Protein backbone atom coordinates (compact mmCIF):
# COMPACT_ATOMS: atom_id res chain seq x y z
CA MET A 1 6.93 23.31 158.44
CA ASN A 2 6.01 24.11 154.82
CA GLY A 3 3.17 26.11 153.72
CA ALA A 4 3.36 30.08 154.43
CA ARG A 5 3.21 30.69 150.77
CA THR A 6 -0.55 30.70 150.46
CA SER A 7 -1.34 31.43 154.06
CA PRO A 8 1.05 33.41 156.11
CA ASP A 9 -0.92 33.61 159.16
CA PHE A 10 -1.79 29.67 159.30
CA GLY A 11 1.96 28.83 158.88
CA LYS A 12 2.97 31.01 161.62
CA ALA A 13 0.27 30.47 163.69
CA PHE A 14 0.91 26.38 163.35
CA ALA A 15 4.59 26.83 163.56
CA LYS A 16 3.80 28.56 166.83
CA GLY A 17 1.08 26.02 168.20
CA CYS A 18 3.15 22.72 167.44
CA GLY A 19 6.66 24.24 168.42
CA GLY A 20 7.90 23.69 164.72
CA ARG A 21 9.91 25.40 162.42
CA LEU A 22 8.90 27.38 159.10
CA SER A 23 11.04 26.58 155.91
CA ALA A 24 12.34 29.32 153.92
CA ASP A 25 12.16 27.28 150.85
CA PRO A 26 8.40 26.28 150.36
CA HIS A 27 9.82 23.40 148.40
CA HIS A 28 12.15 21.78 150.86
CA LEU A 29 11.36 19.61 153.38
CA LEU A 30 12.63 19.99 156.97
CA ASP A 31 13.88 16.87 159.39
CA GLY A 32 10.47 15.50 161.26
CA ASP A 33 6.86 15.78 160.70
CA VAL A 34 5.80 17.96 157.90
CA ALA A 35 2.98 20.54 157.59
CA LEU A 36 1.74 22.64 154.83
CA PHE A 37 -1.49 24.98 153.99
CA GLY A 38 -3.28 23.49 151.03
CA HIS A 39 -1.92 24.46 147.65
CA PRO A 40 -1.93 21.98 144.80
CA GLN A 41 1.48 22.90 143.59
CA LEU A 42 2.79 21.70 147.03
CA PHE A 43 1.34 18.57 147.11
CA GLY A 44 4.48 16.71 145.79
CA LEU A 45 5.73 17.84 149.03
CA LEU A 46 3.10 15.16 150.83
CA ASP A 47 4.17 12.86 148.45
CA ARG A 48 7.73 12.79 149.63
CA ALA A 49 6.53 13.05 153.16
CA ARG A 50 4.70 9.67 152.68
CA LEU A 51 7.45 7.76 151.19
CA GLN A 52 9.52 8.70 153.81
CA ASN A 53 7.12 7.49 156.24
CA ARG A 54 6.53 10.87 158.26
CA ASN A 55 3.48 12.23 159.70
CA TRP A 56 1.93 14.90 157.49
CA TYR A 57 -0.36 17.76 158.71
CA TYR A 58 -2.48 19.26 155.91
CA GLY A 59 -3.99 22.70 156.56
CA ASP A 60 -6.85 24.25 153.91
CA LYS A 61 -9.90 26.36 154.13
CA ALA A 62 -12.51 25.03 156.46
CA TYR A 63 -15.69 22.97 156.21
CA PHE A 64 -17.63 26.10 157.34
CA GLY A 65 -16.97 29.39 158.00
CA ARG A 66 -14.40 29.67 155.87
CA ASP A 67 -13.51 33.25 156.24
CA VAL A 68 -12.51 32.42 160.26
CA TYR A 69 -11.68 29.08 160.35
CA TYR A 70 -9.15 26.48 158.69
CA ARG A 71 -9.16 22.78 159.05
CA ILE A 72 -6.48 20.51 159.85
CA THR A 73 -5.81 16.50 159.30
CA LYS A 74 -3.62 14.47 160.10
CA ASN A 75 -1.97 12.23 157.38
CA ALA A 76 -5.04 13.19 155.33
CA TYR A 77 -6.28 15.95 153.34
CA MET A 78 -9.61 16.15 154.85
CA GLN A 79 -11.54 14.60 157.73
CA ASN A 80 -14.33 12.19 156.47
CA GLY A 81 -17.12 13.52 158.74
CA LEU A 82 -17.77 9.93 160.04
CA THR A 83 -15.57 9.07 162.96
CA GLY A 84 -14.64 11.66 165.81
CA ASP A 85 -15.85 14.24 168.20
CA ASP A 86 -19.70 14.85 167.23
CA ASN A 87 -20.58 17.15 170.38
CA PRO A 88 -22.30 19.80 168.33
CA THR A 89 -21.18 22.88 170.51
CA ARG A 90 -18.75 24.34 167.97
CA TRP A 91 -21.23 23.62 165.04
CA ARG A 92 -23.80 25.67 166.91
CA LYS A 93 -21.46 28.40 167.67
CA LEU A 94 -21.26 28.65 163.71
CA GLY A 95 -24.82 29.89 163.36
CA LEU A 96 -25.93 27.39 160.68
CA THR A 97 -28.58 25.07 160.21
CA ILE A 98 -29.47 21.35 158.83
CA GLN A 99 -31.71 22.59 156.09
CA ASN A 100 -34.83 20.60 154.92
CA TRP A 101 -34.29 18.66 152.10
CA ARG A 102 -35.63 20.38 148.83
CA ASN A 103 -36.89 19.04 145.51
CA GLY A 104 -35.20 20.78 142.77
CA SER A 105 -34.85 20.45 139.21
CA ASP A 106 -31.56 20.49 137.76
CA ILE A 107 -28.21 18.93 138.22
CA LEU A 108 -25.31 21.53 139.33
CA ILE A 109 -22.04 20.21 138.63
CA CYS A 110 -18.87 22.27 140.51
CA PRO A 111 -15.69 21.48 139.02
CA GLN A 112 -12.29 22.44 140.86
CA SER A 113 -9.51 24.36 139.35
CA ASP A 114 -7.73 23.16 136.06
CA VAL A 115 -4.44 23.33 138.17
CA PHE A 116 -5.99 20.79 140.94
CA PHE A 117 -7.04 18.17 137.87
CA LYS A 118 -3.81 18.85 136.02
CA LEU A 119 -2.03 17.30 139.26
CA GLN A 120 -4.42 14.28 138.82
CA ALA A 121 -3.23 14.10 135.17
CA LYS A 122 -6.57 14.95 133.91
CA THR A 123 -7.67 18.47 132.84
CA GLN A 124 -11.07 20.14 134.33
CA ALA A 125 -12.53 20.05 130.90
CA GLU A 126 -11.93 16.09 130.78
CA TRP A 127 -13.30 15.60 134.21
CA ILE A 128 -16.57 17.87 133.24
CA LYS A 129 -17.16 15.55 129.91
CA THR A 130 -16.49 12.58 131.60
CA THR A 131 -19.14 13.27 134.86
CA THR A 132 -21.44 15.07 132.57
CA ASP A 133 -21.68 12.26 130.01
CA GLU A 134 -22.08 9.73 132.62
CA ILE A 135 -24.92 11.64 134.32
CA LYS A 136 -26.82 11.87 131.00
CA LYS A 137 -26.72 7.98 130.57
CA HIS A 138 -29.02 8.02 133.81
CA THR A 139 -31.37 11.30 133.33
CA ASP A 140 -32.67 13.91 131.34
CA ARG A 141 -32.49 16.50 133.75
CA ARG A 142 -30.94 19.99 132.95
CA ILE A 143 -27.32 19.92 133.76
CA ARG A 144 -25.66 23.36 135.02
CA ILE A 145 -21.86 23.88 135.39
CA HIS A 146 -21.24 26.18 138.21
CA HIS A 147 -17.28 27.80 138.30
CA LYS A 148 -16.17 29.13 141.59
CA ASN A 149 -15.04 32.97 141.69
CA VAL A 150 -13.38 33.60 144.35
CA ALA A 151 -13.54 37.24 143.53
CA ASN A 152 -16.96 37.72 144.30
CA ASN A 153 -18.29 36.18 147.49
CA PRO A 154 -18.23 32.24 146.59
CA GLU A 155 -20.20 31.18 149.18
CA MET A 156 -22.88 33.60 148.31
CA ALA A 157 -22.93 32.73 144.76
CA PHE A 158 -22.96 28.93 145.55
CA LYS A 159 -26.21 29.35 147.78
CA ARG A 160 -27.86 31.45 144.79
CA GLN A 161 -26.67 28.01 142.31
CA LEU A 162 -28.61 25.63 144.93
CA VAL A 163 -32.09 27.07 143.76
CA ASN A 164 -34.09 24.61 142.12
CA THR A 165 -31.14 22.08 142.15
CA TRP A 166 -31.79 18.30 142.50
CA ALA A 167 -28.48 17.16 143.06
CA VAL A 168 -24.81 18.75 143.36
CA VAL A 169 -21.99 16.57 141.71
CA VAL A 170 -18.23 17.54 142.76
CA HIS A 171 -15.12 15.66 142.70
CA SER A 172 -13.59 16.27 146.00
CA SER A 173 -14.67 19.57 146.79
CA MET A 174 -16.36 20.88 150.18
CA ALA A 175 -19.05 22.43 147.70
CA GLY A 176 -20.79 18.96 148.24
CA VAL A 177 -21.05 19.01 151.91
CA GLN A 178 -21.99 22.63 151.72
CA ALA A 179 -25.12 21.71 149.27
CA THR A 180 -26.17 18.91 151.53
CA VAL A 181 -26.54 21.16 154.57
CA HIS A 182 -28.67 23.00 152.63
CA GLY A 183 -30.86 20.71 151.62
CA VAL A 184 -29.68 19.39 148.18
CA PRO A 185 -28.18 15.83 147.83
CA CYS A 186 -24.61 15.51 146.77
CA PHE A 187 -22.34 13.21 144.80
CA ALA A 188 -18.66 12.80 144.48
CA THR A 189 -16.44 11.46 142.13
CA ASP A 190 -13.93 10.91 144.61
CA PRO A 191 -14.40 8.12 147.03
CA ASN A 192 -12.11 9.52 149.57
CA SER A 193 -13.54 12.90 149.63
CA THR A 194 -15.68 14.59 152.62
CA SER A 195 -18.47 14.89 150.20
CA ALA A 196 -18.64 11.33 149.28
CA SER A 197 -19.45 10.57 152.99
CA PHE A 198 -22.31 12.95 152.94
CA GLY A 199 -23.65 11.52 149.78
CA THR A 200 -22.42 8.82 147.19
CA THR A 201 -20.06 8.18 144.31
CA ASP A 202 -22.51 6.10 142.59
CA LEU A 203 -23.98 8.52 139.53
CA THR A 204 -26.02 5.42 138.12
CA THR A 205 -28.51 6.62 141.29
CA ILE A 206 -28.70 10.11 140.15
CA GLU A 207 -32.49 9.84 140.09
CA THR A 208 -32.48 8.70 143.98
CA PRO A 209 -29.95 10.52 145.44
CA VAL A 210 -29.04 9.59 149.24
CA LYS A 211 -30.46 11.75 151.88
CA PRO A 212 -28.27 10.83 155.00
CA ASP A 213 -30.36 11.28 158.48
CA ASN A 214 -26.99 12.12 160.25
CA ARG A 215 -25.97 15.10 159.05
CA LEU A 216 -25.79 16.91 162.13
CA GLN A 217 -23.69 14.46 163.61
CA MET A 218 -21.28 14.60 160.51
CA ALA A 219 -21.45 18.28 160.50
CA SER A 220 -20.59 18.59 164.04
CA ILE A 221 -17.70 16.01 163.57
CA LEU A 222 -16.19 18.71 160.73
CA ALA A 223 -16.70 21.57 163.22
CA ASN A 224 -14.60 20.12 165.64
CA ASN A 225 -11.87 19.44 163.27
CA GLN A 226 -11.57 23.28 162.14
CA TRP A 227 -10.21 26.41 164.22
CA THR A 228 -9.38 30.03 164.26
CA ILE A 229 -6.03 31.38 163.86
CA SER A 230 -5.70 32.39 167.35
CA GLU A 231 -6.68 28.74 168.23
CA ILE A 232 -4.22 27.22 166.01
CA ASN A 233 -1.74 29.97 167.55
CA SER A 234 -2.56 28.69 171.34
CA GLY A 235 -1.84 25.32 170.37
CA LEU A 236 -5.42 24.08 170.76
CA ALA A 237 -5.38 22.72 167.36
CA TRP A 238 -2.42 20.96 167.91
CA GLU A 239 -3.14 19.29 171.04
CA CYS A 240 -6.78 18.07 169.34
CA ILE A 241 -5.07 16.54 166.43
CA LYS A 242 -1.68 15.06 167.16
C-alpha cells in the first residue's frame, strides 16, 4: 500500500482494515492491488497499476465533513453519485441539509492547484483563462475567482463566496458538489467528475444551469462512500468497497 505520505493515519488504517502492507517507499509498488491517499505527485503509481491490470483504491478528503471523513473509491478517483446505496441515514448524520436553489448574480470559478493541472499538461492560469473566455461567450455576468486557502477554514470561506453567486464552475473539484447542496448550480469541465453529475459540463448553458431534483439521493450515495478513520481501521470501509 502506498499513500501514507499525505495522511499517515489513513494509510495505517486502510492497511489494517484490508489486511494489506505499507510500502516504505511511496514511489514503489508492492505486489497485488494498490491503494494510496490522494496526492497529485503520486498519480503516476495509479497509471502504472492500470497498465498492469491491477485493482487500485483511491483515498482522499471526503465529499462532506472533510475534517472527519475520507472518501475511498475502487478503480476510480471519485464516486459519481449516480449509482450505489442511497439510504440517507449517513447523510442525515452529517447534520447537513439540501438547501433551496438561490438566485445570485455572479459566476464563481474555483480552480484546483497548479500542481494538479500541470499533471494534465496545463497550468492553473491556462485553465482559468480558457474557462473564463468560454463563459464570456455566453454571458456578461461578473466572474469571480476563488482560490482555496487551506490555512484559513476553506469550507467556511467557500460558503461565504456563495453569497450572490449564480453558478460555480470547477474542473473536478468537490466545490461543485458542495455548491449544489447549498443551492447554487455547478458546471464542471471534467466530464468524469462528481461535480459533473450534480450539474453539467456544457458552459454554453451558463444562463440556464441544470438544477437536479435528485440532490438528496446523490448526496446520500456519496455519504455512503466515505468513512471515518475508525471505520477504515475496523475494515468496514474495505467490506463496502472491495
